[in-house]
Protein backbone atom coordinates (compact mmCIF):
# COMPACT_ATOMS: atom_id res chain seq x y z
CA MET A 1 0.00 0.00 0.00
CA LYS A 2 2.93 2.34 0.73
CA ILE A 3 4.16 1.81 -2.84
CA ILE A 4 0.79 2.92 -4.22
CA ILE A 5 0.71 6.07 -2.07
CA THR A 6 4.31 6.95 -2.98
CA THR A 7 3.60 6.45 -6.68
CA ILE A 8 0.59 8.75 -6.51
CA ILE A 9 2.61 11.48 -4.77
CA VAL A 10 5.45 11.25 -7.29
CA LEU A 11 3.08 11.39 -10.26
CA LEU A 12 1.36 14.45 -8.81
CA LEU A 13 4.67 16.20 -8.25
CA VAL A 14 5.81 15.68 -11.83
CA PHE A 15 2.66 17.31 -13.20
CA PRO A 16 3.57 20.75 -14.54
CA LEU A 17 2.54 23.53 -12.20
CA SER A 18 1.28 25.47 -15.18
CA ALA A 19 0.92 24.72 -18.86
CA SER A 20 1.49 28.38 -19.77
CA GLU A 21 2.55 31.72 -18.35
CA ASN A 22 -1.05 32.85 -18.09
CA THR A 23 -1.56 34.50 -14.68
CA ASN A 24 -5.36 34.90 -14.81
CA LYS A 25 -6.20 32.90 -11.69
CA GLN A 26 -9.56 31.15 -11.51
CA ILE A 27 -11.33 29.14 -8.79
CA ASP A 28 -14.34 26.96 -9.60
CA VAL A 29 -16.46 25.51 -6.79
CA GLY A 30 -19.40 23.19 -7.32
CA PHE A 31 -20.72 19.65 -7.16
CA THR A 32 -20.74 16.54 -9.35
CA ILE A 33 -23.36 13.86 -9.97
CA SER A 34 -22.71 10.65 -11.90
CA ASN A 35 -24.54 7.76 -13.55
CA ILE A 36 -23.10 5.40 -10.89
CA SER A 37 -24.02 7.37 -7.74
CA SER A 38 -26.95 9.67 -7.03
CA THR A 39 -25.05 11.59 -4.34
CA LEU A 40 -23.71 15.10 -4.86
CA ASP A 41 -19.91 15.17 -4.55
CA PRO A 42 -18.17 18.52 -3.91
CA ILE A 43 -15.41 19.58 -6.28
CA ILE A 44 -12.91 22.46 -6.19
CA LYS A 45 -10.80 23.58 -9.16
CA PHE A 46 -8.07 26.22 -9.16
CA GLY A 47 -5.65 27.43 -11.81
CA ASN A 48 -6.01 29.48 -14.97
CA GLU A 49 -7.95 29.41 -18.23
CA ASN A 50 -5.64 26.75 -19.73
CA ASN A 51 -5.37 24.22 -16.89
CA LYS A 52 -6.48 23.64 -13.31
CA TRP A 53 -5.82 21.43 -10.31
CA ARG A 54 -8.95 19.64 -9.11
CA ILE A 55 -9.85 18.34 -5.64
CA SER A 56 -12.73 15.86 -5.68
CA ASN A 57 -14.18 12.72 -4.09
CA ILE A 58 -13.96 14.40 -0.68
CA SER A 59 -15.48 12.27 2.09
CA LEU A 60 -15.07 12.10 5.86
CA ASN A 61 -17.52 10.45 8.25
CA GLY A 62 -17.60 8.06 11.16
CA SER A 63 -19.84 6.53 13.80
CA ASN A 64 -19.62 5.12 17.32
CA ASP A 65 -22.42 2.98 18.74
CA LYS A 66 -22.31 1.57 22.29
CA ARG A 67 -25.06 -0.61 23.77
CA ASP A 68 -25.36 -2.00 27.27
CA ASN A 69 -28.35 -4.28 27.92
CA LEU A 70 -28.23 -5.32 31.59
CA VAL A 71 -31.40 -7.40 31.32
CA ASN A 72 -29.99 -9.71 28.65
CA LEU A 73 -26.40 -9.34 29.90
CA PHE A 74 -25.26 -8.08 26.52
CA LYS A 75 -22.78 -5.34 25.62
CA SER A 76 -21.56 -4.10 22.26
CA ASP A 77 -19.20 -1.41 21.02
CA ASP A 78 -19.19 -0.64 17.30
CA ASN A 79 -17.30 2.14 15.54
CA SER A 80 -16.37 2.95 11.97
CA PHE A 81 -14.49 5.58 9.98
CA ARG A 82 -14.54 6.41 6.29
CA GLY A 83 -12.47 8.98 4.39
CA GLY A 84 -11.30 9.77 0.89
CA ILE A 85 -9.90 12.41 -1.45
CA GLY A 86 -9.08 12.79 -5.12
CA ILE A 87 -6.36 15.03 -6.61
CA GLY A 88 -6.08 15.63 -10.31
CA ARG A 89 -5.29 17.92 -13.19
CA GLU A 90 -7.38 19.09 -16.13
CA TYR A 91 -6.45 20.88 -19.37
CA TYR A 92 -8.56 22.81 -21.86
CA LYS A 93 -8.74 23.32 -25.62
CA GLN A 94 -10.92 26.29 -26.50
CA ILE A 95 -13.50 25.74 -29.24
CA THR A 96 -15.44 28.98 -28.79
CA ASN A 97 -15.54 31.67 -26.10
CA TYR A 98 -18.17 29.61 -24.29
CA MET A 99 -17.07 26.02 -24.96
CA ASN A 100 -13.93 24.00 -24.15
CA ILE A 101 -12.73 20.45 -24.64
CA ILE A 102 -11.39 19.13 -21.33
CA TRP A 103 -8.98 16.25 -20.61
CA GLY A 104 -6.86 15.10 -17.70
CA GLY A 105 -7.00 12.64 -14.81
CA ASP A 106 -7.55 12.06 -11.07
CA PHE A 107 -5.76 9.96 -8.46
CA ILE A 108 -8.22 8.87 -5.77
CA PHE A 109 -7.54 7.28 -2.39
CA LYS A 110 -10.20 5.91 -0.01
CA TYR A 111 -9.96 4.29 3.41
CA TYR A 112 -12.60 2.49 5.47
CA ARG A 113 -12.21 1.02 8.96
CA ASN A 114 -14.82 -0.89 10.93
CA ARG A 115 -14.60 -2.47 14.39
CA GLU A 116 -17.25 -4.47 16.25
CA ALA A 117 -16.81 -5.77 19.80
CA MET A 118 -19.46 -7.76 21.69
CA GLU A 119 -19.71 -9.28 25.17
CA ASP A 120 -22.41 -11.85 25.83
CA ILE A 121 -22.98 -13.82 29.07
CA ASP A 122 -24.62 -17.18 28.46
CA GLU A 123 -27.02 -18.45 31.11
CA PRO A 124 -27.41 -20.62 33.10
CA LEU A 125 -23.67 -21.23 32.63
CA PRO A 126 -21.48 -18.36 33.91
CA ILE A 127 -19.56 -18.08 30.63
CA THR A 128 -18.71 -14.70 29.13
CA ILE A 129 -18.13 -14.76 25.39
CA ARG A 130 -16.24 -11.83 23.93
CA THR A 131 -15.97 -11.41 20.19
CA THR A 132 -14.03 -8.83 18.22
CA GLU A 133 -14.24 -8.21 14.51
CA TYR A 134 -12.49 -5.47 12.57
CA SER A 135 -11.48 -4.64 9.02
CA ASN A 136 -9.29 -2.12 7.24
CA ASN A 137 -10.04 -1.42 3.59
CA TYR A 138 -7.88 0.60 1.19
CA THR A 139 -8.76 1.63 -2.36
CA ALA A 140 -6.53 3.43 -4.86
CA LYS A 141 -7.95 4.50 -8.21
CA PHE A 142 -6.96 6.46 -11.29
CA ASN A 143 -9.59 7.80 -13.65
CA ALA A 144 -8.95 9.52 -16.96
CA VAL A 145 -11.03 12.58 -17.83
CA LEU A 146 -12.44 13.54 -21.23
CA GLY A 147 -15.33 15.96 -21.62
CA MET A 148 -16.78 19.35 -22.48
CA ASN A 149 -17.16 22.66 -20.62
CA TRP A 150 -19.94 25.15 -21.27
CA ILE A 151 -19.33 28.59 -19.76
CA ILE A 152 -22.27 30.91 -19.06
CA LYS A 153 -21.60 34.62 -18.42
CA ASN A 154 -18.00 33.78 -17.46
CA GLN A 155 -19.17 32.60 -14.00
CA TYR A 156 -21.33 29.50 -14.36
CA ILE A 157 -19.81 26.29 -15.73
CA ILE A 158 -21.62 23.15 -16.82
CA ASN A 159 -19.25 20.24 -17.34
CA LEU A 160 -19.92 16.81 -18.84
CA GLU A 161 -17.15 14.22 -18.39
CA TYR A 162 -16.46 10.64 -19.38
CA ARG A 163 -14.27 8.90 -16.76
CA PRO A 164 -12.96 5.41 -17.46
CA TYR A 165 -10.89 4.14 -14.54
CA ILE A 166 -8.73 1.38 -13.08
CA SER A 167 -8.65 0.55 -9.37
CA TYR A 168 -6.83 -1.52 -6.76
CA ALA A 169 -8.43 -2.64 -3.48
CA TYR A 170 -6.85 -4.25 -0.43
CA ALA A 171 -8.56 -5.43 2.77
CA GLU A 172 -7.38 -6.71 6.16
CA ASN A 173 -9.95 -8.63 8.23
CA TYR A 174 -9.77 -10.09 11.73
CA TYR A 175 -12.28 -12.13 13.71
CA GLY A 176 -11.55 -13.43 17.19
CA ILE A 177 -13.44 -15.18 20.00
CA ASP A 178 -12.12 -15.65 23.52
CA GLY A 179 -13.67 -17.43 26.47
CA VAL A 180 -14.11 -20.57 24.37
CA SER A 181 -10.50 -20.74 23.10
CA ILE A 182 -11.34 -20.06 19.46
CA ASP A 183 -9.27 -17.49 17.57
CA LEU A 184 -9.21 -16.81 13.87
CA GLU A 185 -7.11 -14.22 12.09
CA GLU A 186 -7.48 -13.71 8.35
CA THR A 187 -6.02 -11.33 5.79
CA ASN A 188 -7.63 -11.01 2.36
CA SER A 189 -6.49 -9.05 -0.66
CA ASP A 190 -8.45 -8.26 -3.77
CA PHE A 191 -6.84 -6.92 -6.91
CA GLY A 192 -8.74 -6.06 -10.06
CA TYR A 193 -9.23 -3.56 -12.83
CA ASN A 194 -12.58 -2.11 -13.69
CA VAL A 195 -13.00 -0.25 -16.96
CA MET A 196 -16.68 0.52 -16.49
CA PRO A 197 -17.07 4.17 -17.60
CA ARG A 198 -18.35 6.85 -15.29
CA LEU A 199 -20.33 9.69 -16.86
CA THR A 200 -20.48 12.80 -14.66
CA LEU A 201 -22.28 16.12 -14.78
CA THR A 202 -20.72 19.02 -12.84
CA PHE A 203 -22.08 22.46 -11.98
CA CYS A 204 -19.62 25.13 -10.79
CA TYR A 205 -19.49 28.79 -9.90
CA ARG A 206 -16.34 30.68 -10.88
CA PHE A 207 -14.76 33.20 -8.48
């Protein structure tokens, strides 16, 4: 996993900081919706009229659920965390004053962690069974970008993109039971490429 992260950082650093000497700075802020997901994903773009950096696929959420049932002698402690970010670059070829061809790419990293712990006292035998289950999931993805920009009054941008991608996923899973002398530790990895295209529609406001 460290090799993947290092590769992404190196590739981002070798991107040119600017494709031209144009100093007209632009910032586009908006949201994206795709044919794969119905959620609205925030996106931020900054650069000039020839190329921009893009920050997308921003996610950060978690949960913590504790339950203590004294009647049934049952306790549980569940928590999870999910985060992700995408960093990319896009370039433009002007067709008219209000329309551009856009191309580029994004490197996306996502992480998900889940932990479940449970304590159950069996009756009538005074046996306490404690179970613990947790998983760590990592996903690295690169998607190419090819699309069109429509610019309205130099402030509103409608963007349609085609995003074929490849991805790599890795998971670590653990399941253990004590009190009955049963322990199981398991590590699973999943590697695959998915070329299913993603068609996205983005709406931005330019500052």
